[in-house]
Full PDB file with SEQRES, HELIX, SHEET, SSBOND, CRYST1, ORIGX, SCALE, CONECT and MASTER records, all heavy atoms in Angstrom:
SEQRES   1 A   34  GLN ALA VAL SER VAL LEU VAL PHE PRO TRP SER ALA HIS          
SEQRES   2 A   34  THR VAL ARG ALA VAL TRP HIS ARG ASP VAL SER ALA ARG          
SEQRES   3 A   34  ASP THR GLU LEU ALA MET GLU LYS                              
HELIX    1 AA1 ALA A   25  GLU A   33  1                                   9    
SHEET    1 AA1 2 PHE A   8  SER A  11  0                                        
SHEET    2 AA1 2 THR A  14  ARG A  16 -1                                        
CRYST1    1.000    1.000    1.000  90.00  90.00  90.00 P 1           1          
ORIGX1      1.000000  0.000000  0.000000        0.00000                         
ORIGX2      0.000000  1.000000  0.000000        0.00000                         
ORIGX3      0.000000  0.000000  1.000000        0.00000                         
SCALE1      1.000000  0.000000  0.000000        0.00000                         
SCALE2      0.000000  1.000000  0.000000        0.00000                         
SCALE3      0.000000  0.000000  1.000000        0.00000                         
ATOM      1  N   GLN A   1       0.834  -1.203   0.000  1.00  0.00           N  
ATOM      2  CA  GLN A   1       0.000   0.000   0.000  1.00  0.00           C  
ATOM      3  C   GLN A   1       0.868   1.252   0.000  1.00  0.00           C  
ATOM      4  O   GLN A   1       1.980   1.240   0.519  1.00  0.00           O  
ATOM      5  CB  GLN A   1      -0.888   0.041   1.246  1.00  0.00           C  
ATOM      6  CG  GLN A   1      -1.773  -1.145   1.399  1.00  0.00           C  
ATOM      7  CD  GLN A   1      -2.556  -1.085   2.686  1.00  0.00           C  
ATOM      8  OE1 GLN A   1      -3.752  -1.058   2.644  1.00  0.00           O  
ATOM      9  NE2 GLN A   1      -1.894  -1.060   3.831  1.00  0.00           N  
ATOM     10  N   ALA A   2       0.329   2.315  -0.578  1.00  0.00           N  
ATOM     11  CA  ALA A   2       0.970   3.626  -0.538  1.00  0.00           C  
ATOM     12  C   ALA A   2       0.038   4.549   0.235  1.00  0.00           C  
ATOM     13  O   ALA A   2      -0.960   5.018  -0.296  1.00  0.00           O  
ATOM     14  CB  ALA A   2       1.209   4.157  -1.949  1.00  0.00           C  
ATOM     15  N   VAL A   3       0.351   4.766   1.506  1.00  0.00           N  
ATOM     16  CA  VAL A   3      -0.528   5.545   2.383  1.00  0.00           C  
ATOM     17  C   VAL A   3       0.214   6.779   2.878  1.00  0.00           C  
ATOM     18  O   VAL A   3       1.331   6.678   3.377  1.00  0.00           O  
ATOM     19  CB  VAL A   3      -0.993   4.696   3.594  1.00  0.00           C  
ATOM     20  CG1 VAL A   3      -1.824   5.526   4.551  1.00  0.00           C  
ATOM     21  CG2 VAL A   3      -1.766   3.483   3.112  1.00  0.00           C  
ATOM     22  N   SER A   4      -0.431   7.923   2.754  1.00  0.00           N  
ATOM     23  CA  SER A   4       0.111   9.179   3.263  1.00  0.00           C  
ATOM     24  C   SER A   4      -0.845   9.701   4.332  1.00  0.00           C  
ATOM     25  O   SER A   4      -2.033   9.883   4.067  1.00  0.00           O  
ATOM     26  CB  SER A   4       0.238  10.195   2.122  1.00  0.00           C  
ATOM     27  OG  SER A   4       0.745  11.420   2.609  1.00  0.00           O  
ATOM     28  N   VAL A   5      -0.323   9.924   5.531  1.00  0.00           N  
ATOM     29  CA  VAL A   5      -1.136  10.389   6.656  1.00  0.00           C  
ATOM     30  C   VAL A   5      -0.677  11.789   7.040  1.00  0.00           C  
ATOM     31  O   VAL A   5       0.508  12.015   7.283  1.00  0.00           O  
ATOM     32  CB  VAL A   5      -1.003   9.440   7.871  1.00  0.00           C  
ATOM     33  CG1 VAL A   5      -1.789   9.967   9.056  1.00  0.00           C  
ATOM     34  CG2 VAL A   5      -1.458   8.039   7.502  1.00  0.00           C  
ATOM     35  N   LEU A   6      -1.625  12.721   7.074  1.00  0.00           N  
ATOM     36  CA  LEU A   6      -1.303  14.096   7.427  1.00  0.00           C  
ATOM     37  C   LEU A   6      -1.685  14.355   8.880  1.00  0.00           C  
ATOM     38  O   LEU A   6      -2.864  14.307   9.234  1.00  0.00           O  
ATOM     39  CB  LEU A   6      -2.051  15.069   6.510  1.00  0.00           C  
ATOM     40  CG  LEU A   6      -1.783  14.914   5.022  1.00  0.00           C  
ATOM     41  CD1 LEU A   6      -2.631  15.901   4.232  1.00  0.00           C  
ATOM     42  CD2 LEU A   6      -0.315  15.094   4.709  1.00  0.00           C  
ATOM     43  N   VAL A   7      -0.693  14.584   9.711  1.00  0.00           N  
ATOM     44  CA  VAL A   7      -0.888  14.978  11.102  1.00  0.00           C  
ATOM     45  C   VAL A   7      -0.044  16.219  11.343  1.00  0.00           C  
ATOM     46  O   VAL A   7       0.762  16.603  10.505  1.00  0.00           O  
ATOM     47  CB  VAL A   7      -0.528  13.841  12.098  1.00  0.00           C  
ATOM     48  CG1 VAL A   7      -1.501  12.684  11.982  1.00  0.00           C  
ATOM     49  CG2 VAL A   7       0.889  13.355  11.871  1.00  0.00           C  
ATOM     50  N   PHE A   8      -0.232  16.848  12.499  1.00  0.00           N  
ATOM     51  CA  PHE A   8       0.388  18.136  12.761  1.00  0.00           C  
ATOM     52  C   PHE A   8       1.287  18.074  13.983  1.00  0.00           C  
ATOM     53  O   PHE A   8       0.866  17.581  15.034  1.00  0.00           O  
ATOM     54  CB  PHE A   8      -0.725  19.172  12.973  1.00  0.00           C  
ATOM     55  CG  PHE A   8      -0.226  20.574  13.145  1.00  0.00           C  
ATOM     56  CD1 PHE A   8       0.235  21.284  12.051  1.00  0.00           C  
ATOM     57  CD2 PHE A   8      -0.224  21.181  14.387  1.00  0.00           C  
ATOM     58  CE1 PHE A   8       0.688  22.590  12.200  1.00  0.00           C  
ATOM     59  CE2 PHE A   8       0.227  22.470  14.553  1.00  0.00           C  
ATOM     60  CZ  PHE A   8       0.681  23.184  13.456  1.00  0.00           C  
ATOM     61  N   PRO A   9       2.532  18.599  13.878  1.00  0.00           N  
ATOM     62  CA  PRO A   9       3.400  18.661  15.058  1.00  0.00           C  
ATOM     63  C   PRO A   9       2.885  19.748  16.007  1.00  0.00           C  
ATOM     64  O   PRO A   9       3.087  20.932  15.773  1.00  0.00           O  
ATOM     65  CB  PRO A   9       4.775  19.010  14.482  1.00  0.00           C  
ATOM     66  CG  PRO A   9       4.500  19.669  13.174  1.00  0.00           C  
ATOM     67  CD  PRO A   9       3.189  19.140  12.684  1.00  0.00           C  
ATOM     68  N   TRP A  10       2.191  19.343  17.064  1.00  0.00           N  
ATOM     69  CA  TRP A  10       1.470  20.269  17.937  1.00  0.00           C  
ATOM     70  C   TRP A  10       2.382  20.979  18.927  1.00  0.00           C  
ATOM     71  O   TRP A  10       2.204  22.147  19.225  1.00  0.00           O  
ATOM     72  CB  TRP A  10       0.376  19.498  18.670  1.00  0.00           C  
ATOM     73  CG  TRP A  10      -0.561  20.342  19.434  1.00  0.00           C  
ATOM     74  CD1 TRP A  10      -0.650  20.431  20.796  1.00  0.00           C  
ATOM     75  CD2 TRP A  10      -1.552  21.233  18.913  1.00  0.00           C  
ATOM     76  NE1 TRP A  10      -1.638  21.317  21.153  1.00  0.00           N  
ATOM     77  CE2 TRP A  10      -2.208  21.821  20.001  1.00  0.00           C  
ATOM     78  CE3 TRP A  10      -1.945  21.589  17.626  1.00  0.00           C  
ATOM     79  CZ2 TRP A  10      -3.230  22.750  19.856  1.00  0.00           C  
ATOM     80  CZ3 TRP A  10      -2.968  22.505  17.480  1.00  0.00           C  
ATOM     81  CH2 TRP A  10      -3.584  23.070  18.581  1.00  0.00           C  
ATOM     82  N   SER A  11       3.360  20.247  19.469  1.00  0.00           N  
ATOM     83  CA  SER A  11       4.299  20.839  20.426  1.00  0.00           C  
ATOM     84  C   SER A  11       5.612  20.083  20.331  1.00  0.00           C  
ATOM     85  O   SER A  11       5.790  19.238  19.461  1.00  0.00           O  
ATOM     86  CB  SER A  11       3.733  20.760  21.856  1.00  0.00           C  
ATOM     87  OG  SER A  11       3.748  19.419  22.311  1.00  0.00           O  
ATOM     88  N   ALA A  12       6.518  20.360  21.257  1.00  0.00           N  
ATOM     89  CA  ALA A  12       7.837  19.726  21.233  1.00  0.00           C  
ATOM     90  C   ALA A  12       7.759  18.215  21.431  1.00  0.00           C  
ATOM     91  O   ALA A  12       8.680  17.490  21.049  1.00  0.00           O  
ATOM     92  CB  ALA A  12       8.731  20.342  22.304  1.00  0.00           C  
ATOM     93  N   HIS A  13       6.658  17.711  22.001  1.00  0.00           N  
ATOM     94  CA  HIS A  13       6.539  16.278  22.279  1.00  0.00           C  
ATOM     95  C   HIS A  13       5.182  15.705  21.880  1.00  0.00           C  
ATOM     96  O   HIS A  13       4.819  14.623  22.340  1.00  0.00           O  
ATOM     97  CB  HIS A  13       6.781  16.005  23.770  1.00  0.00           C  
ATOM     98  CG  HIS A  13       8.111  16.488  24.248  1.00  0.00           C  
ATOM     99  ND1 HIS A  13       9.292  15.853  23.928  1.00  0.00           N  
ATOM    100  CD2 HIS A  13       8.455  17.568  24.987  1.00  0.00           C  
ATOM    101  CE1 HIS A  13      10.302  16.519  24.462  1.00  0.00           C  
ATOM    102  NE2 HIS A  13       9.821  17.565  25.109  1.00  0.00           N  
ATOM    103  N   THR A  14       4.438  16.430  21.040  1.00  0.00           N  
ATOM    104  CA  THR A  14       3.083  15.990  20.716  1.00  0.00           C  
ATOM    105  C   THR A  14       2.756  16.185  19.244  1.00  0.00           C  
ATOM    106  O   THR A  14       3.124  17.197  18.650  1.00  0.00           O  
ATOM    107  CB  THR A  14       2.046  16.777  21.557  1.00  0.00           C  
ATOM    108  OG1 THR A  14       2.416  16.711  22.927  1.00  0.00           O  
ATOM    109  CG2 THR A  14       0.650  16.213  21.382  1.00  0.00           C  
ATOM    110  N   VAL A  15       2.051  15.202  18.701  1.00  0.00           N  
ATOM    111  CA  VAL A  15       1.519  15.262  17.339  1.00  0.00           C  
ATOM    112  C   VAL A  15      -0.001  15.243  17.451  1.00  0.00           C  
ATOM    113  O   VAL A  15      -0.558  14.481  18.248  1.00  0.00           O  
ATOM    114  CB  VAL A  15       2.012  14.050  16.507  1.00  0.00           C  
ATOM    115  CG1 VAL A  15       1.272  13.939  15.207  1.00  0.00           C  
ATOM    116  CG2 VAL A  15       3.508  14.149  16.262  1.00  0.00           C  
ATOM    117  N   ARG A  16      -0.685  16.076  16.670  1.00  0.00           N  
ATOM    118  CA  ARG A  16      -2.147  16.131  16.717  1.00  0.00           C  
ATOM    119  C   ARG A  16      -2.730  15.527  15.435  1.00  0.00           C  
ATOM    120  O   ARG A  16      -2.345  15.878  14.332  1.00  0.00           O  
ATOM    121  CB  ARG A  16      -2.629  17.573  16.842  1.00  0.00           C  
ATOM    122  CG  ARG A  16      -4.142  17.676  16.978  1.00  0.00           C  
ATOM    123  CD  ARG A  16      -4.590  19.105  16.983  1.00  0.00           C  
ATOM    124  NE  ARG A  16      -4.522  19.627  15.625  1.00  0.00           N  
ATOM    125  CZ  ARG A  16      -5.072  20.767  15.236  1.00  0.00           C  
ATOM    126  NH1 ARG A  16      -5.682  21.532  16.101  1.00  0.00           N  
ATOM    127  NH2 ARG A  16      -4.980  21.165  13.998  1.00  0.00           N  
ATOM    128  N   ALA A  17      -3.687  14.613  15.629  1.00  0.00           N  
ATOM    129  CA  ALA A  17      -4.432  14.020  14.513  1.00  0.00           C  
ATOM    130  C   ALA A  17      -5.886  14.447  14.667  1.00  0.00           C  
ATOM    131  O   ALA A  17      -6.435  14.391  15.771  1.00  0.00           O  
ATOM    132  CB  ALA A  17      -4.315  12.502  14.544  1.00  0.00           C  
ATOM    133  N   VAL A  18      -6.516  14.883  13.572  1.00  0.00           N  
ATOM    134  CA  VAL A  18      -7.886  15.385  13.612  1.00  0.00           C  
ATOM    135  C   VAL A  18      -8.718  14.699  12.538  1.00  0.00           C  
ATOM    136  O   VAL A  18      -8.278  14.575  11.397  1.00  0.00           O  
ATOM    137  CB  VAL A  18      -7.927  16.920  13.388  1.00  0.00           C  
ATOM    138  CG1 VAL A  18      -9.350  17.436  13.412  1.00  0.00           C  
ATOM    139  CG2 VAL A  18      -7.085  17.641  14.430  1.00  0.00           C  
ATOM    140  N   TRP A  19      -9.920  14.275  12.924  1.00  0.00           N  
ATOM    141  CA  TRP A  19     -10.851  13.642  11.982  1.00  0.00           C  
ATOM    142  C   TRP A  19     -11.899  14.646  11.555  1.00  0.00           C  
ATOM    143  O   TRP A  19     -12.339  15.477  12.347  1.00  0.00           O  
ATOM    144  CB  TRP A  19     -11.522  12.424  12.625  1.00  0.00           C  
ATOM    145  CG  TRP A  19     -10.645  11.233  12.515  1.00  0.00           C  
ATOM    146  CD1 TRP A  19     -10.800  10.181  11.664  1.00  0.00           C  
ATOM    147  CD2 TRP A  19      -9.443  10.984  13.240  1.00  0.00           C  
ATOM    148  NE1 TRP A  19      -9.759   9.303  11.819  1.00  0.00           N  
ATOM    149  CE2 TRP A  19      -8.917   9.769  12.785  1.00  0.00           C  
ATOM    150  CE3 TRP A  19      -8.755  11.678  14.225  1.00  0.00           C  
ATOM    151  CZ2 TRP A  19      -7.732   9.227  13.271  1.00  0.00           C  
ATOM    152  CZ3 TRP A  19      -7.580  11.141  14.727  1.00  0.00           C  
ATOM    153  CH2 TRP A  19      -7.081   9.932  14.248  1.00  0.00           C  
ATOM    154  N   HIS A  20     -12.297  14.560  10.295  1.00  0.00           N  
ATOM    155  CA  HIS A  20     -13.375  15.394   9.782  1.00  0.00           C  
ATOM    156  C   HIS A  20     -14.181  14.586   8.773  1.00  0.00           C  
ATOM    157  O   HIS A  20     -13.894  13.413   8.528  1.00  0.00           O  
ATOM    158  CB  HIS A  20     -12.843  16.704   9.174  1.00  0.00           C  
ATOM    159  CG  HIS A  20     -11.839  16.503   8.097  1.00  0.00           C  
ATOM    160  ND1 HIS A  20     -12.179  16.188   6.799  1.00  0.00           N  
ATOM    161  CD2 HIS A  20     -10.484  16.564   8.127  1.00  0.00           C  
ATOM    162  CE1 HIS A  20     -11.082  16.077   6.069  1.00  0.00           C  
ATOM    163  NE2 HIS A  20     -10.050  16.299   6.855  1.00  0.00           N  
ATOM    164  N   ARG A  21     -15.167  15.198   8.206  1.00  0.00           N  
ATOM    165  CA  ARG A  21     -16.142  14.543   7.340  1.00  0.00           C  
ATOM    166  C   ARG A  21     -15.509  13.706   6.224  1.00  0.00           C  
ATOM    167  O   ARG A  21     -16.071  12.699   5.817  1.00  0.00           O  
ATOM    168  CB  ARG A  21     -17.045  15.621   6.746  1.00  0.00           C  
ATOM    169  CG  ARG A  21     -18.135  15.093   5.874  1.00  0.00           C  
ATOM    170  CD  ARG A  21     -18.964  16.238   5.306  1.00  0.00           C  
ATOM    171  NE  ARG A  21     -20.081  15.724   4.576  1.00  0.00           N  
ATOM    172  CZ  ARG A  21     -21.274  15.523   5.088  1.00  0.00           C  
ATOM    173  NH1 ARG A  21     -21.499  15.792   6.348  1.00  0.00           N  
ATOM    174  NH2 ARG A  21     -22.241  15.046   4.346  1.00  0.00           N  
ATOM    175  N   ASP A  22     -14.364  14.112   5.729  1.00  0.00           N  
ATOM    176  CA  ASP A  22     -13.744  13.422   4.591  1.00  0.00           C  
ATOM    177  C   ASP A  22     -12.812  12.286   4.985  1.00  0.00           C  
ATOM    178  O   ASP A  22     -12.139  11.712   4.131  1.00  0.00           O  
ATOM    179  CB  ASP A  22     -12.992  14.434   3.725  1.00  0.00           C  
ATOM    180  CG  ASP A  22     -13.927  15.459   3.108  1.00  0.00           C  
ATOM    181  OD1 ASP A  22     -15.076  15.096   2.800  1.00  0.00           O  
ATOM    182  OD2 ASP A  22     -13.514  16.623   2.946  1.00  0.00           O  
ATOM    183  N   VAL A  23     -12.728  11.953   6.275  1.00  0.00           N  
ATOM    184  CA  VAL A  23     -11.870  10.858   6.737  1.00  0.00           C  
ATOM    185  C   VAL A  23     -12.772   9.695   7.145  1.00  0.00           C  
ATOM    186  O   VAL A  23     -13.515   9.777   8.111  1.00  0.00           O  
ATOM    187  CB  VAL A  23     -10.983  11.298   7.924  1.00  0.00           C  
ATOM    188  CG1 VAL A  23     -10.093  10.151   8.368  1.00  0.00           C  
ATOM    189  CG2 VAL A  23     -10.148  12.520   7.546  1.00  0.00           C  
ATOM    190  N   SER A  24     -12.678   8.605   6.396  1.00  0.00           N  
ATOM    191  CA  SER A  24     -13.567   7.452   6.606  1.00  0.00           C  
ATOM    192  C   SER A  24     -12.998   6.473   7.627  1.00  0.00           C  
ATOM    193  O   SER A  24     -11.850   6.597   8.072  1.00  0.00           O  
ATOM    194  CB  SER A  24     -13.771   6.723   5.272  1.00  0.00           C  
ATOM    195  OG  SER A  24     -12.552   6.096   4.877  1.00  0.00           O  
ATOM    196  N   ALA A  25     -13.802   5.459   7.944  1.00  0.00           N  
ATOM    197  CA  ALA A  25     -13.334   4.387   8.824  1.00  0.00           C  
ATOM    198  C   ALA A  25     -12.171   3.646   8.173  1.00  0.00           C  
ATOM    199  O   ALA A  25     -11.202   3.272   8.844  1.00  0.00           O  
ATOM    200  CB  ALA A  25     -14.480   3.429   9.136  1.00  0.00           C  
ATOM    201  N   ARG A  26     -12.249   3.449   6.860  1.00  0.00           N  
ATOM    202  CA  ARG A  26     -11.150   2.777   6.142  1.00  0.00           C  
ATOM    203  C   ARG A  26      -9.891   3.639   6.173  1.00  0.00           C  
ATOM    204  O   ARG A  26      -8.785   3.122   6.367  1.00  0.00           O  
ATOM    205  CB  ARG A  26     -11.568   2.484   4.691  1.00  0.00           C  
ATOM    206  CG  ARG A  26     -10.484   1.855   3.858  1.00  0.00           C  
ATOM    207  CD  ARG A  26     -10.079   0.492   4.371  1.00  0.00           C  
ATOM    208  NE  ARG A  26      -9.011  -0.077   3.558  1.00  0.00           N  
ATOM    209  CZ  ARG A  26      -8.020  -0.790   4.032  1.00  0.00           C  
ATOM    210  NH1 ARG A  26      -7.962  -1.090   5.314  1.00  0.00           N  
ATOM    211  NH2 ARG A  26      -7.083  -1.256   3.240  1.00  0.00           N  
ATOM    212  N   ASP A  27     -10.034   4.949   5.993  1.00  0.00           N  
ATOM    213  CA  ASP A  27      -8.878   5.849   6.100  1.00  0.00           C  
ATOM    214  C   ASP A  27      -8.240   5.735   7.481  1.00  0.00           C  
ATOM    215  O   ASP A  27      -7.019   5.766   7.616  1.00  0.00           O  
ATOM    216  CB  ASP A  27      -9.300   7.301   5.871  1.00  0.00           C  
ATOM    217  CG  ASP A  27      -9.794   7.574   4.462  1.00  0.00           C  
ATOM    218  OD1 ASP A  27      -9.402   6.844   3.534  1.00  0.00           O  
ATOM    219  OD2 ASP A  27     -10.587   8.519   4.297  1.00  0.00           O  
ATOM    220  N   THR A  28      -9.076   5.599   8.497  1.00  0.00           N  
ATOM    221  CA  THR A  28      -8.591   5.476   9.872  1.00  0.00           C  
ATOM    222  C   THR A  28      -7.787   4.196  10.038  1.00  0.00           C  
ATOM    223  O   THR A  28      -6.716   4.192  10.649  1.00  0.00           O  
ATOM    224  CB  THR A  28      -9.774   5.519  10.861  1.00  0.00           C  
ATOM    225  OG1 THR A  28     -10.475   6.753  10.671  1.00  0.00           O  
ATOM    226  CG2 THR A  28      -9.311   5.417  12.296  1.00  0.00           C  
ATOM    227  N   GLU A  29      -8.282   3.095   9.479  1.00  0.00           N  
ATOM    228  CA  GLU A  29      -7.541   1.833   9.532  1.00  0.00           C  
ATOM    229  C   GLU A  29      -6.193   1.958   8.839  1.00  0.00           C  
ATOM    230  O   GLU A  29      -5.172   1.484   9.347  1.00  0.00           O  
ATOM    231  CB  GLU A  29      -8.345   0.717   8.866  1.00  0.00           C  
ATOM    232  CG  GLU A  29      -9.547   0.267   9.651  1.00  0.00           C  
ATOM    233  CD  GLU A  29     -10.310  -0.840   8.936  1.00  0.00           C  
ATOM    234  OE1 GLU A  29      -9.843  -1.328   7.884  1.00  0.00           O  
ATOM    235  OE2 GLU A  29     -11.377  -1.226   9.435  1.00  0.00           O  
ATOM    236  N   LEU A  30      -6.185   2.598   7.671  1.00  0.00           N  
ATOM    237  CA  LEU A  30      -4.931   2.780   6.938  1.00  0.00           C  
ATOM    238  C   LEU A  30      -3.950   3.642   7.735  1.00  0.00           C  
ATOM    239  O   LEU A  30      -2.743   3.372   7.743  1.00  0.00           O  
ATOM    240  CB  LEU A  30      -5.198   3.398   5.567  1.00  0.00           C  
ATOM    241  CG  LEU A  30      -5.928   2.508   4.571  1.00  0.00           C  
ATOM    242  CD1 LEU A  30      -6.346   3.307   3.332  1.00  0.00           C  
ATOM    243  CD2 LEU A  30      -5.065   1.313   4.177  1.00  0.00           C  
ATOM    244  N   ALA A  31      -4.465   4.665   8.418  1.00  0.00           N  
ATOM    245  CA  ALA A  31      -3.603   5.514   9.250  1.00  0.00           C  
ATOM    246  C   ALA A  31      -3.015   4.721  10.414  1.00  0.00           C  
ATOM    247  O   ALA A  31      -1.839   4.891  10.765  1.00  0.00           O  
ATOM    248  CB  ALA A  31      -4.393   6.714   9.766  1.00  0.00           C  
ATOM    249  N   MET A  32      -3.814   3.823  11.005  1.00  0.00           N  
ATOM    250  CA  MET A  32      -3.321   2.983  12.092  1.00  0.00           C  
ATOM    251  C   MET A  32      -2.204   2.071  11.593  1.00  0.00           C  
ATOM    252  O   MET A  32      -1.168   1.910  12.251  1.00  0.00           O  
ATOM    253  CB  MET A  32      -4.474   2.157  12.664  1.00  0.00           C  
ATOM    254  CG  MET A  32      -5.503   2.999  13.409  1.00  0.00           C  
ATOM    255  SD  MET A  32      -7.125   2.234  13.588  1.00  0.00           S  
ATOM    256  CE  MET A  32      -6.778   0.804  14.569  1.00  0.00           C  
ATOM    257  N   GLU A  33      -2.419   1.478  10.417  1.00  0.00           N  
ATOM    258  CA  GLU A  33      -1.397   0.598   9.840  1.00  0.00           C  
ATOM    259  C   GLU A  33      -0.130   1.376   9.525  1.00  0.00           C  
ATOM    260  O   GLU A  33       0.983   0.896   9.754  1.00  0.00           O  
ATOM    261  CB  GLU A  33      -1.943  -0.070   8.587  1.00  0.00           C  
ATOM    262  CG  GLU A  33      -3.032  -1.078   8.876  1.00  0.00           C  
ATOM    263  CD  GLU A  33      -3.709  -1.596   7.611  1.00  0.00           C  
ATOM    264  OE1 GLU A  33      -3.261  -1.264   6.489  1.00  0.00           O  
ATOM    265  OE2 GLU A  33      -4.702  -2.336   7.744  1.00  0.00           O  
ATOM    266  N   LYS A  34      -0.287   2.581   8.984  1.00  0.00           N  
ATOM    267  CA  LYS A  34       0.875   3.396   8.642  1.00  0.00           C  
ATOM    268  C   LYS A  34       1.655   3.780   9.892  1.00  0.00           C  
ATOM    269  O   LYS A  34       2.885   3.715   9.904  1.00  0.00           O  
ATOM    270  CB  LYS A  34       0.415   4.655   7.893  1.00  0.00           C  
ATOM    271  CG  LYS A  34       1.532   5.631   7.539  1.00  0.00           C  
ATOM    272  CD  LYS A  34       2.418   5.120   6.423  1.00  0.00           C  
ATOM    273  CE  LYS A  34       3.454   6.146   6.029  1.00  0.00           C  
ATOM    274  NZ  LYS A  34       3.524   6.381   4.609  1.00  0.00           N  
TER     275      LYS A  34                                                      
MASTER        0    0    0    1    2    0    0    6  274    1    0    3          
END                                                                             
């Protein structure tokens, strides 16, 4: 698979992931695998 996951470097020790209408359950599974 070729999966690209966009998350945000929130602070010096934290990454933030946000779900919205265009992120499906399958996208979530792919993000977990990635």
